[in-house]
């Protein structure tokens, strides 16, 4: 089974937020961290993974990403605080 992931990246605690979706979270976060992707995340230095969720269905993951992109900043911050109130970088946990 191939999983999909919806994730939030930031540049610092309570900083700029980016929401994305991928089928390979480790690869995608590594690309963000290495500045390999031109665009929003590179421009704002978004290299810290602060939240993610796993979906068994890619269609559900894409729908969740779209919903989060339209969510308020406060709603996104609440998601982060629910599982990661210190805004720790989750990269070490997924890259092992």
N, C-alpha and C. Protein backbone atom coordinates (compact mmCIF):
# COMPACT_ATOMS: atom_id res chain seq x y z
N UNK A 1 0.84 -1.18 0.00
CA UNK A 1 0.00 0.00 0.00
C UNK A 1 0.88 1.24 0.00
N UNK A 2 0.54 2.19 -0.81
CA UNK A 2 1.28 3.45 -0.90
C UNK A 2 0.49 4.53 -0.18
N UNK A 3 1.15 5.16 0.78
CA UNK A 3 0.50 6.21 1.55
C UNK A 3 0.76 7.58 0.94
N UNK A 4 -0.09 8.52 1.28
CA UNK A 4 0.09 9.92 0.90
C UNK A 4 0.14 10.74 2.18
N UNK A 5 0.77 11.89 2.10
CA UNK A 5 0.97 12.72 3.28
C UNK A 5 0.59 14.17 2.98
N UNK A 6 -0.04 14.80 3.95
CA UNK A 6 -0.28 16.23 3.93
C UNK A 6 0.62 16.79 5.01
N UNK A 7 1.31 17.88 4.73
CA UNK A 7 2.31 18.37 5.68
C UNK A 7 2.35 19.88 5.74
N UNK A 8 2.90 20.39 6.86
CA UNK A 8 3.11 21.82 7.04
C UNK A 8 4.58 22.07 7.32
N UNK A 9 5.14 23.02 6.60
CA UNK A 9 6.54 23.45 6.77
C UNK A 9 6.53 24.89 7.27
N UNK A 10 7.59 25.27 7.99
CA UNK A 10 7.74 26.65 8.46
C UNK A 10 9.21 27.04 8.45
N UNK A 11 9.47 28.31 8.70
CA UNK A 11 10.84 28.80 8.79
C UNK A 11 11.27 29.03 10.23
N UNK A 12 10.29 29.10 11.15
CA UNK A 12 10.57 29.30 12.58
C UNK A 12 9.26 29.12 13.33
N UNK A 13 9.31 28.93 14.66
CA UNK A 13 8.05 28.84 15.40
C UNK A 13 7.16 30.06 15.15
N UNK A 14 5.91 29.80 14.86
CA UNK A 14 4.93 30.85 14.54
C UNK A 14 5.32 31.67 13.31
N UNK A 15 6.11 31.07 12.42
CA UNK A 15 6.55 31.77 11.22
C UNK A 15 5.62 31.51 10.04
N UNK A 16 6.15 31.70 8.86
CA UNK A 16 5.42 31.48 7.61
C UNK A 16 5.08 30.00 7.51
N UNK A 17 3.89 29.66 7.03
CA UNK A 17 3.46 28.28 6.88
C UNK A 17 3.24 27.92 5.42
N UNK A 18 3.59 26.69 5.08
CA UNK A 18 3.35 26.15 3.75
C UNK A 18 2.69 24.78 3.91
N UNK A 19 1.65 24.54 3.16
CA UNK A 19 0.95 23.26 3.18
C UNK A 19 1.20 22.54 1.87
N UNK A 20 1.56 21.26 1.95
CA UNK A 20 1.81 20.48 0.75
C UNK A 20 1.27 19.07 0.87
N UNK A 21 1.31 18.34 -0.24
CA UNK A 21 0.89 16.94 -0.28
C UNK A 21 1.93 16.17 -1.09
N UNK A 22 2.20 14.94 -0.69
CA UNK A 22 3.19 14.12 -1.38
C UNK A 22 2.94 12.64 -1.10
N UNK A 23 3.51 11.79 -1.94
CA UNK A 23 3.48 10.35 -1.67
C UNK A 23 4.80 9.88 -1.09
N UNK A 24 5.80 10.77 -1.02
CA UNK A 24 7.11 10.43 -0.45
C UNK A 24 7.55 11.58 0.45
N UNK A 25 7.15 11.52 1.71
CA UNK A 25 7.39 12.62 2.64
C UNK A 25 8.88 12.86 2.88
N UNK A 26 9.66 11.81 3.03
CA UNK A 26 11.09 11.97 3.29
C UNK A 26 11.76 12.69 2.12
N UNK A 27 11.50 12.24 0.90
CA UNK A 27 12.10 12.88 -0.27
C UNK A 27 11.67 14.34 -0.39
N UNK A 28 10.38 14.57 -0.21
CA UNK A 28 9.85 15.92 -0.39
C UNK A 28 10.41 16.89 0.64
N UNK A 29 10.45 16.49 1.90
CA UNK A 29 11.00 17.36 2.94
C UNK A 29 12.49 17.58 2.71
N UNK A 30 13.21 16.55 2.27
CA UNK A 30 14.63 16.70 1.96
C UNK A 30 14.82 17.74 0.84
N UNK A 31 13.93 17.74 -0.14
CA UNK A 31 14.00 18.74 -1.21
C UNK A 31 13.79 20.14 -0.66
N UNK A 32 12.81 20.30 0.22
CA UNK A 32 12.58 21.61 0.84
C UNK A 32 13.79 22.04 1.65
N UNK A 33 14.31 21.13 2.48
CA UNK A 33 15.45 21.45 3.35
C UNK A 33 16.69 21.81 2.55
N UNK A 34 16.87 21.17 1.41
CA UNK A 34 18.04 21.44 0.58
C UNK A 34 17.87 22.62 -0.35
N UNK A 35 16.71 23.27 -0.33
CA UNK A 35 16.47 24.40 -1.21
C UNK A 35 16.42 24.00 -2.67
N UNK A 36 16.05 22.76 -2.95
CA UNK A 36 16.05 22.24 -4.32
C UNK A 36 14.81 22.60 -5.11
N UNK A 37 13.78 23.11 -4.43
CA UNK A 37 12.53 23.43 -5.09
C UNK A 37 12.36 24.94 -5.19
N UNK A 38 12.33 25.44 -6.40
CA UNK A 38 12.12 26.87 -6.59
C UNK A 38 10.70 27.22 -6.18
N UNK A 39 10.52 28.42 -5.67
CA UNK A 39 9.18 28.86 -5.34
C UNK A 39 9.05 29.34 -3.91
N UNK A 40 7.84 29.23 -3.40
CA UNK A 40 7.47 29.78 -2.10
C UNK A 40 8.36 29.28 -0.97
N UNK A 41 8.55 27.95 -0.88
CA UNK A 41 9.32 27.42 0.26
C UNK A 41 10.77 27.85 0.21
N UNK A 42 11.34 27.92 -0.96
CA UNK A 42 12.73 28.36 -1.08
C UNK A 42 12.84 29.86 -0.77
N UNK A 43 11.92 30.64 -1.30
CA UNK A 43 11.94 32.09 -1.10
C UNK A 43 11.87 32.47 0.38
N UNK A 44 11.07 31.73 1.15
CA UNK A 44 10.89 32.06 2.56
C UNK A 44 11.69 31.16 3.51
N UNK A 45 12.52 30.29 2.97
CA UNK A 45 13.38 29.45 3.80
C UNK A 45 12.61 28.48 4.68
N UNK A 46 11.58 27.88 4.12
CA UNK A 46 10.74 26.96 4.89
C UNK A 46 11.38 25.57 4.88
N UNK A 47 12.11 25.24 5.93
CA UNK A 47 12.86 24.00 5.98
C UNK A 47 12.50 23.13 7.17
N UNK A 48 11.56 23.57 7.99
CA UNK A 48 11.20 22.85 9.21
C UNK A 48 9.84 22.20 9.07
N UNK A 49 9.81 20.88 9.14
CA UNK A 49 8.56 20.12 9.11
C UNK A 49 7.96 20.15 10.51
N UNK A 50 6.77 20.73 10.65
CA UNK A 50 6.17 20.85 11.98
C UNK A 50 4.89 20.02 12.16
N UNK A 51 4.33 19.51 11.08
CA UNK A 51 3.10 18.73 11.17
C UNK A 51 2.93 17.92 9.90
N UNK A 52 2.39 16.71 10.06
CA UNK A 52 1.98 15.93 8.89
C UNK A 52 0.94 14.91 9.32
N UNK A 53 0.18 14.45 8.34
CA UNK A 53 -0.76 13.37 8.59
C UNK A 53 -0.70 12.42 7.40
N UNK A 54 -1.00 11.17 7.66
CA UNK A 54 -0.92 10.11 6.67
C UNK A 54 -2.31 9.75 6.17
N UNK A 55 -2.39 9.50 4.87
CA UNK A 55 -3.66 9.09 4.25
C UNK A 55 -3.41 7.85 3.41
N UNK A 56 -4.31 6.90 3.47
CA UNK A 56 -4.21 5.69 2.66
C UNK A 56 -4.63 5.95 1.22
N UNK A 57 -5.39 7.01 1.02
CA UNK A 57 -5.94 7.32 -0.30
C UNK A 57 -5.42 8.69 -0.77
N UNK A 58 -4.78 8.73 -1.93
CA UNK A 58 -4.22 9.98 -2.42
C UNK A 58 -5.30 11.02 -2.68
N UNK A 59 -6.47 10.60 -3.09
CA UNK A 59 -7.57 11.54 -3.34
C UNK A 59 -7.97 12.24 -2.04
N UNK A 60 -8.01 11.49 -0.96
CA UNK A 60 -8.34 12.07 0.35
C UNK A 60 -7.25 13.04 0.79
N UNK A 61 -5.99 12.70 0.53
CA UNK A 61 -4.88 13.58 0.90
C UNK A 61 -4.95 14.90 0.13
N UNK A 62 -5.24 14.82 -1.14
CA UNK A 62 -5.34 16.03 -1.96
C UNK A 62 -6.51 16.90 -1.48
N UNK A 63 -7.62 16.27 -1.16
CA UNK A 63 -8.78 17.02 -0.66
C UNK A 63 -8.44 17.70 0.67
N UNK A 64 -7.72 17.00 1.53
CA UNK A 64 -7.31 17.57 2.83
C UNK A 64 -6.37 18.74 2.62
N UNK A 65 -5.43 18.60 1.70
CA UNK A 65 -4.50 19.71 1.41
C UNK A 65 -5.27 20.93 0.93
N UNK A 66 -6.20 20.74 0.03
CA UNK A 66 -7.00 21.86 -0.48
C UNK A 66 -7.78 22.52 0.64
N UNK A 67 -8.35 21.72 1.53
CA UNK A 67 -9.10 22.27 2.66
C UNK A 67 -8.17 23.08 3.57
N UNK A 68 -6.97 22.56 3.82
CA UNK A 68 -6.02 23.28 4.68
C UNK A 68 -5.53 24.57 4.02
N UNK A 69 -5.36 24.56 2.72
CA UNK A 69 -4.92 25.77 2.03
C UNK A 69 -5.96 26.89 2.17
N UNK A 70 -7.23 26.49 2.34
CA UNK A 70 -8.30 27.48 2.52
C UNK A 70 -8.60 27.74 3.99
N UNK A 71 -7.97 26.99 4.88
CA UNK A 71 -8.19 27.18 6.32
C UNK A 71 -7.48 28.45 6.78
N UNK A 72 -7.92 28.96 7.90
CA UNK A 72 -7.27 30.15 8.46
C UNK A 72 -5.93 29.75 9.06
N UNK A 73 -5.09 30.74 9.25
CA UNK A 73 -3.81 30.50 9.90
C UNK A 73 -4.04 29.93 11.30
N UNK A 74 -5.02 30.45 12.02
CA UNK A 74 -5.31 29.97 13.37
C UNK A 74 -5.66 28.48 13.37
N UNK A 75 -6.40 28.03 12.37
CA UNK A 75 -6.75 26.61 12.28
C UNK A 75 -5.50 25.76 12.05
N UNK A 76 -4.59 26.24 11.22
CA UNK A 76 -3.34 25.51 10.97
C UNK A 76 -2.47 25.48 12.22
N UNK A 77 -2.40 26.58 12.91
CA UNK A 77 -1.62 26.65 14.15
C UNK A 77 -2.20 25.70 15.19
N UNK A 78 -3.52 25.60 15.27
CA UNK A 78 -4.15 24.66 16.21
C UNK A 78 -3.76 23.22 15.88
N UNK A 79 -3.70 22.89 14.60
CA UNK A 79 -3.27 21.54 14.21
C UNK A 79 -1.85 21.26 14.70
N UNK A 80 -0.97 22.22 14.50
CA UNK A 80 0.42 22.06 14.94
C UNK A 80 0.48 21.92 16.45
N UNK A 81 -0.19 22.80 17.16
CA UNK A 81 -0.16 22.78 18.62
C UNK A 81 -0.73 21.49 19.21
N UNK A 82 -1.66 20.87 18.51
CA UNK A 82 -2.27 19.64 19.02
C UNK A 82 -1.27 18.49 19.12
N UNK A 83 -0.29 18.44 18.24
CA UNK A 83 0.67 17.34 18.24
C UNK A 83 2.11 17.78 18.42
N UNK A 84 2.38 19.07 18.24
CA UNK A 84 3.75 19.56 18.27
C UNK A 84 3.78 20.99 18.83
N UNK A 85 3.39 21.18 20.10
CA UNK A 85 3.27 22.53 20.65
C UNK A 85 4.59 23.31 20.71
N UNK A 86 5.71 22.61 20.68
CA UNK A 86 7.01 23.30 20.71
C UNK A 86 7.50 23.65 19.30
N UNK A 87 6.76 23.27 18.29
CA UNK A 87 7.14 23.50 16.89
C UNK A 87 8.50 22.84 16.59
N UNK A 88 8.72 21.64 17.17
CA UNK A 88 9.96 20.91 16.89
C UNK A 88 10.02 20.53 15.42
N UNK A 89 11.23 20.41 14.91
CA UNK A 89 11.42 19.92 13.55
C UNK A 89 11.22 18.42 13.59
N UNK A 90 10.28 17.91 12.82
CA UNK A 90 9.96 16.49 12.80
C UNK A 90 10.85 15.70 11.84
N UNK A 91 11.74 16.37 11.14
CA UNK A 91 12.63 15.71 10.19
C UNK A 91 13.38 14.53 10.80
N UNK A 92 13.99 14.67 11.98
CA UNK A 92 14.71 13.53 12.55
C UNK A 92 13.81 12.29 12.75
N UNK A 93 12.56 12.50 13.01
CA UNK A 93 11.64 11.39 13.23
C UNK A 93 11.28 10.64 11.95
N UNK A 94 11.23 11.33 10.84
CA UNK A 94 10.83 10.67 9.60
C UNK A 94 12.02 10.22 8.76
N UNK A 95 13.20 10.76 9.00
CA UNK A 95 14.35 10.49 8.13
C UNK A 95 15.20 9.30 8.59
N UNK A 96 14.78 8.62 9.62
CA UNK A 96 15.57 7.50 10.14
C UNK A 96 15.48 6.28 9.26
